[in-house]
Amino acid sequence: ADQRAAFDSRAKATAPDGVLLVQIPSLTAMISQGQWNLLRHSHFGYHSLTALTNLLGAVGMSIATAWEFDLLGGTYLVAAVHGH
């Protein structure tokens, strides 16, 4: 439930020269397409790219690149690395 702590533990588990991959649904697609069935009780958070950038920055990581693809109407695969 504590998103900052979750990202902190993932940053610590990622090697200094490693890459953390994070897959997130496009919130814009979810809202514009009315895909409310994508919301699941087992997920503690849904992040925009802006929110994800801020969470990663708070734990010393940054987005190196991101890919968007059509899965579920719009999904991002984000590659994050240590440093800014």
N, C-alpha and C. Protein backbone atom coordinates (compact mmCIF):
# COMPACT_ATOMS: atom_id res chain seq x y z
N ALA A 1 0.82 -1.20 0.00
CA ALA A 1 0.00 0.00 0.00
C ALA A 1 0.86 1.27 0.00
N ASP A 2 2.04 1.21 0.57
CA ASP A 2 2.95 2.36 0.61
C ASP A 2 3.77 2.37 -0.67
N GLN A 3 3.36 3.16 -1.63
CA GLN A 3 4.00 3.16 -2.94
C GLN A 3 5.46 3.59 -2.89
N ARG A 4 5.75 4.57 -2.08
CA ARG A 4 7.15 5.03 -1.95
C ARG A 4 8.03 3.89 -1.43
N ALA A 5 7.58 3.18 -0.41
CA ALA A 5 8.34 2.05 0.14
C ALA A 5 8.48 0.94 -0.90
N ALA A 6 7.45 0.70 -1.67
CA ALA A 6 7.49 -0.35 -2.70
C ALA A 6 8.54 -0.01 -3.76
N PHE A 7 8.57 1.24 -4.19
CA PHE A 7 9.56 1.63 -5.19
C PHE A 7 10.96 1.69 -4.59
N ASP A 8 11.06 2.04 -3.33
CA ASP A 8 12.36 2.05 -2.66
C ASP A 8 12.93 0.63 -2.62
N SER A 9 12.10 -0.36 -2.29
CA SER A 9 12.61 -1.74 -2.22
C SER A 9 12.99 -2.25 -3.61
N ARG A 10 12.25 -1.83 -4.64
CA ARG A 10 12.60 -2.24 -6.00
C ARG A 10 13.90 -1.58 -6.47
N ALA A 11 14.09 -0.33 -6.10
CA ALA A 11 15.33 0.37 -6.45
C ALA A 11 16.52 -0.31 -5.79
N LYS A 12 16.37 -0.70 -4.53
CA LYS A 12 17.46 -1.36 -3.81
C LYS A 12 17.75 -2.75 -4.38
N ALA A 13 16.73 -3.40 -4.94
CA ALA A 13 16.91 -4.74 -5.52
C ALA A 13 17.47 -4.70 -6.93
N THR A 14 17.51 -3.52 -7.53
CA THR A 14 18.03 -3.36 -8.89
C THR A 14 19.53 -3.04 -8.81
N ALA A 15 20.33 -3.79 -9.55
CA ALA A 15 21.78 -3.57 -9.56
C ALA A 15 22.09 -2.14 -9.98
N PRO A 16 23.20 -1.58 -9.53
CA PRO A 16 23.56 -0.20 -9.89
C PRO A 16 23.53 0.08 -11.39
N ASP A 17 23.90 -0.92 -12.19
CA ASP A 17 23.86 -0.74 -13.64
C ASP A 17 22.69 -1.51 -14.27
N GLY A 18 21.74 -1.90 -13.43
CA GLY A 18 20.60 -2.68 -13.90
C GLY A 18 19.46 -1.81 -14.40
N VAL A 19 18.44 -2.48 -14.89
CA VAL A 19 17.25 -1.82 -15.41
C VAL A 19 16.02 -2.39 -14.71
N LEU A 20 15.18 -1.51 -14.20
CA LEU A 20 13.91 -1.90 -13.60
C LEU A 20 12.83 -1.69 -14.65
N LEU A 21 12.09 -2.74 -14.97
CA LEU A 21 10.99 -2.63 -15.92
C LEU A 21 9.68 -2.56 -15.16
N VAL A 22 8.88 -1.56 -15.51
CA VAL A 22 7.58 -1.35 -14.87
C VAL A 22 6.54 -1.25 -15.97
N GLN A 23 5.50 -2.06 -15.87
CA GLN A 23 4.41 -2.01 -16.85
C GLN A 23 3.20 -1.36 -16.20
N ILE A 24 2.66 -0.33 -16.84
CA ILE A 24 1.49 0.36 -16.30
C ILE A 24 0.46 0.56 -17.40
N PRO A 25 -0.82 0.49 -17.03
CA PRO A 25 -1.85 0.80 -18.03
C PRO A 25 -1.88 2.30 -18.27
N SER A 26 -2.29 2.69 -19.46
CA SER A 26 -2.47 4.10 -19.77
C SER A 26 -3.74 4.58 -19.07
N LEU A 27 -3.57 5.49 -18.11
CA LEU A 27 -4.76 6.02 -17.42
C LEU A 27 -5.65 6.79 -18.38
N THR A 28 -5.05 7.47 -19.34
CA THR A 28 -5.83 8.20 -20.34
C THR A 28 -6.71 7.24 -21.13
N ALA A 29 -6.14 6.13 -21.57
CA ALA A 29 -6.92 5.14 -22.32
C ALA A 29 -7.99 4.52 -21.44
N MET A 30 -7.63 4.22 -20.19
CA MET A 30 -8.59 3.61 -19.28
C MET A 30 -9.81 4.50 -19.09
N ILE A 31 -9.59 5.79 -18.90
CA ILE A 31 -10.69 6.72 -18.66
C ILE A 31 -11.45 7.00 -19.96
N SER A 32 -10.73 7.31 -21.03
CA SER A 32 -11.41 7.68 -22.28
C SER A 32 -12.18 6.52 -22.89
N GLN A 33 -11.72 5.30 -22.66
CA GLN A 33 -12.39 4.13 -23.21
C GLN A 33 -13.32 3.46 -22.20
N GLY A 34 -13.43 4.04 -21.00
CA GLY A 34 -14.32 3.49 -19.98
C GLY A 34 -13.96 2.08 -19.56
N GLN A 35 -12.68 1.79 -19.46
CA GLN A 35 -12.22 0.44 -19.12
C GLN A 35 -12.11 0.24 -17.60
N TRP A 36 -13.19 0.49 -16.92
CA TRP A 36 -13.19 0.40 -15.45
C TRP A 36 -12.96 -1.02 -14.97
N ASN A 37 -13.20 -2.01 -15.85
CA ASN A 37 -12.95 -3.41 -15.46
C ASN A 37 -11.47 -3.70 -15.29
N LEU A 38 -10.60 -2.78 -15.73
CA LEU A 38 -9.15 -2.96 -15.53
C LEU A 38 -8.72 -2.67 -14.10
N LEU A 39 -9.54 -1.95 -13.37
CA LEU A 39 -9.22 -1.66 -11.96
C LEU A 39 -9.41 -2.93 -11.15
N ARG A 40 -8.40 -3.27 -10.38
CA ARG A 40 -8.44 -4.51 -9.61
C ARG A 40 -8.17 -4.21 -8.13
N HIS A 41 -8.87 -4.92 -7.29
CA HIS A 41 -8.69 -4.72 -5.86
C HIS A 41 -7.30 -5.16 -5.38
N SER A 42 -6.65 -6.01 -6.14
CA SER A 42 -5.33 -6.49 -5.71
C SER A 42 -4.23 -5.49 -6.00
N HIS A 43 -4.52 -4.42 -6.75
CA HIS A 43 -3.52 -3.41 -7.06
C HIS A 43 -3.67 -2.23 -6.09
N PHE A 44 -2.56 -1.79 -5.54
CA PHE A 44 -2.60 -0.68 -4.59
C PHE A 44 -2.51 0.68 -5.25
N GLY A 45 -2.07 0.72 -6.51
CA GLY A 45 -1.93 2.01 -7.16
C GLY A 45 -1.92 1.91 -8.67
N TYR A 46 -2.38 2.95 -9.28
CA TYR A 46 -2.31 3.11 -10.73
C TYR A 46 -1.61 4.43 -10.96
N HIS A 47 -0.59 4.43 -11.80
CA HIS A 47 0.26 5.60 -11.94
C HIS A 47 0.25 6.16 -13.35
N SER A 48 0.19 7.47 -13.44
CA SER A 48 0.44 8.12 -14.71
C SER A 48 1.95 8.12 -14.91
N LEU A 49 2.40 8.46 -16.12
CA LEU A 49 3.84 8.56 -16.35
C LEU A 49 4.45 9.65 -15.47
N THR A 50 3.71 10.73 -15.23
CA THR A 50 4.20 11.80 -14.36
C THR A 50 4.39 11.30 -12.93
N ALA A 51 3.39 10.60 -12.42
CA ALA A 51 3.49 10.06 -11.06
C ALA A 51 4.62 9.04 -10.96
N LEU A 52 4.77 8.19 -11.98
CA LEU A 52 5.83 7.20 -11.97
C LEU A 52 7.20 7.88 -12.01
N THR A 53 7.33 8.93 -12.80
CA THR A 53 8.58 9.70 -12.85
C THR A 53 8.92 10.24 -11.47
N ASN A 54 7.92 10.77 -10.78
CA ASN A 54 8.14 11.32 -9.44
C ASN A 54 8.50 10.24 -8.42
N LEU A 55 7.82 9.11 -8.48
CA LEU A 55 8.14 8.00 -7.56
C LEU A 55 9.55 7.49 -7.79
N LEU A 56 9.91 7.32 -9.05
CA LEU A 56 11.26 6.84 -9.35
C LEU A 56 12.31 7.85 -8.91
N GLY A 57 12.06 9.12 -9.15
CA GLY A 57 13.00 10.17 -8.75
C GLY A 57 13.21 10.20 -7.24
N ALA A 58 12.15 9.92 -6.50
CA ALA A 58 12.24 9.93 -5.04
C ALA A 58 13.14 8.83 -4.51
N VAL A 59 13.37 7.78 -5.31
CA VAL A 59 14.23 6.67 -4.87
C VAL A 59 15.52 6.61 -5.68
N GLY A 60 15.85 7.71 -6.37
CA GLY A 60 17.13 7.80 -7.06
C GLY A 60 17.17 7.15 -8.44
N MET A 61 16.00 6.96 -9.04
CA MET A 61 15.96 6.36 -10.37
C MET A 61 15.27 7.33 -11.34
N SER A 62 15.43 7.07 -12.62
CA SER A 62 14.76 7.88 -13.64
C SER A 62 14.38 6.99 -14.82
N ILE A 63 13.48 7.49 -15.63
CA ILE A 63 13.04 6.75 -16.81
C ILE A 63 14.07 6.93 -17.91
N ALA A 64 14.59 5.81 -18.40
CA ALA A 64 15.53 5.83 -19.52
C ALA A 64 14.76 5.85 -20.83
N THR A 65 13.71 5.06 -20.90
CA THR A 65 12.86 5.02 -22.08
C THR A 65 11.53 4.37 -21.71
N ALA A 66 10.55 4.58 -22.57
CA ALA A 66 9.23 3.97 -22.36
C ALA A 66 8.66 3.61 -23.72
N TRP A 67 7.97 2.49 -23.76
CA TRP A 67 7.32 2.04 -24.97
C TRP A 67 5.82 1.99 -24.71
N GLU A 68 5.05 2.41 -25.69
CA GLU A 68 3.58 2.32 -25.59
C GLU A 68 3.11 1.27 -26.59
N PHE A 69 2.21 0.40 -26.15
CA PHE A 69 1.65 -0.59 -27.06
C PHE A 69 0.18 -0.76 -26.76
N ASP A 70 -0.53 -1.47 -27.62
CA ASP A 70 -1.99 -1.51 -27.61
C ASP A 70 -2.62 -2.46 -26.60
N LEU A 71 -1.85 -3.14 -25.81
CA LEU A 71 -2.42 -4.07 -24.84
C LEU A 71 -3.44 -3.36 -23.96
N LEU A 72 -4.62 -3.90 -23.85
CA LEU A 72 -5.70 -3.36 -23.02
C LEU A 72 -6.06 -1.91 -23.39
N GLY A 73 -5.90 -1.56 -24.64
CA GLY A 73 -6.25 -0.22 -25.09
C GLY A 73 -5.15 0.80 -24.92
N GLY A 74 -4.08 0.43 -24.27
CA GLY A 74 -2.94 1.32 -24.06
C GLY A 74 -2.18 0.94 -22.82
N THR A 75 -0.96 0.53 -23.00
CA THR A 75 -0.10 0.11 -21.89
C THR A 75 1.30 0.66 -22.13
N TYR A 76 1.99 1.00 -21.05
CA TYR A 76 3.38 1.47 -21.14
C TYR A 76 4.29 0.45 -20.48
N LEU A 77 5.41 0.21 -21.11
CA LEU A 77 6.50 -0.54 -20.49
C LEU A 77 7.62 0.48 -20.31
N VAL A 78 7.99 0.71 -19.07
CA VAL A 78 8.95 1.75 -18.72
C VAL A 78 10.25 1.09 -18.24
N ALA A 79 11.37 1.56 -18.78
CA ALA A 79 12.69 1.11 -18.34
C ALA A 79 13.29 2.20 -17.48
N ALA A 80 13.56 1.88 -16.23
CA ALA A 80 14.12 2.85 -15.29
C ALA A 80 15.52 2.44 -14.88
N VAL A 81 16.38 3.43 -14.68
CA VAL A 81 17.76 3.20 -14.29
C VAL A 81 18.10 4.09 -13.09
N HIS A 82 19.19 3.72 -12.41
CA HIS A 82 19.65 4.54 -11.29
C HIS A 82 20.22 5.85 -11.81
N GLY A 83 20.01 6.90 -11.08
CA GLY A 83 20.51 8.22 -11.46
C GLY A 83 19.45 9.06 -12.15
N HIS A 84 19.81 10.26 -12.40
CA HIS A 84 18.85 11.19 -13.01
C HIS A 84 19.35 11.71 -14.32
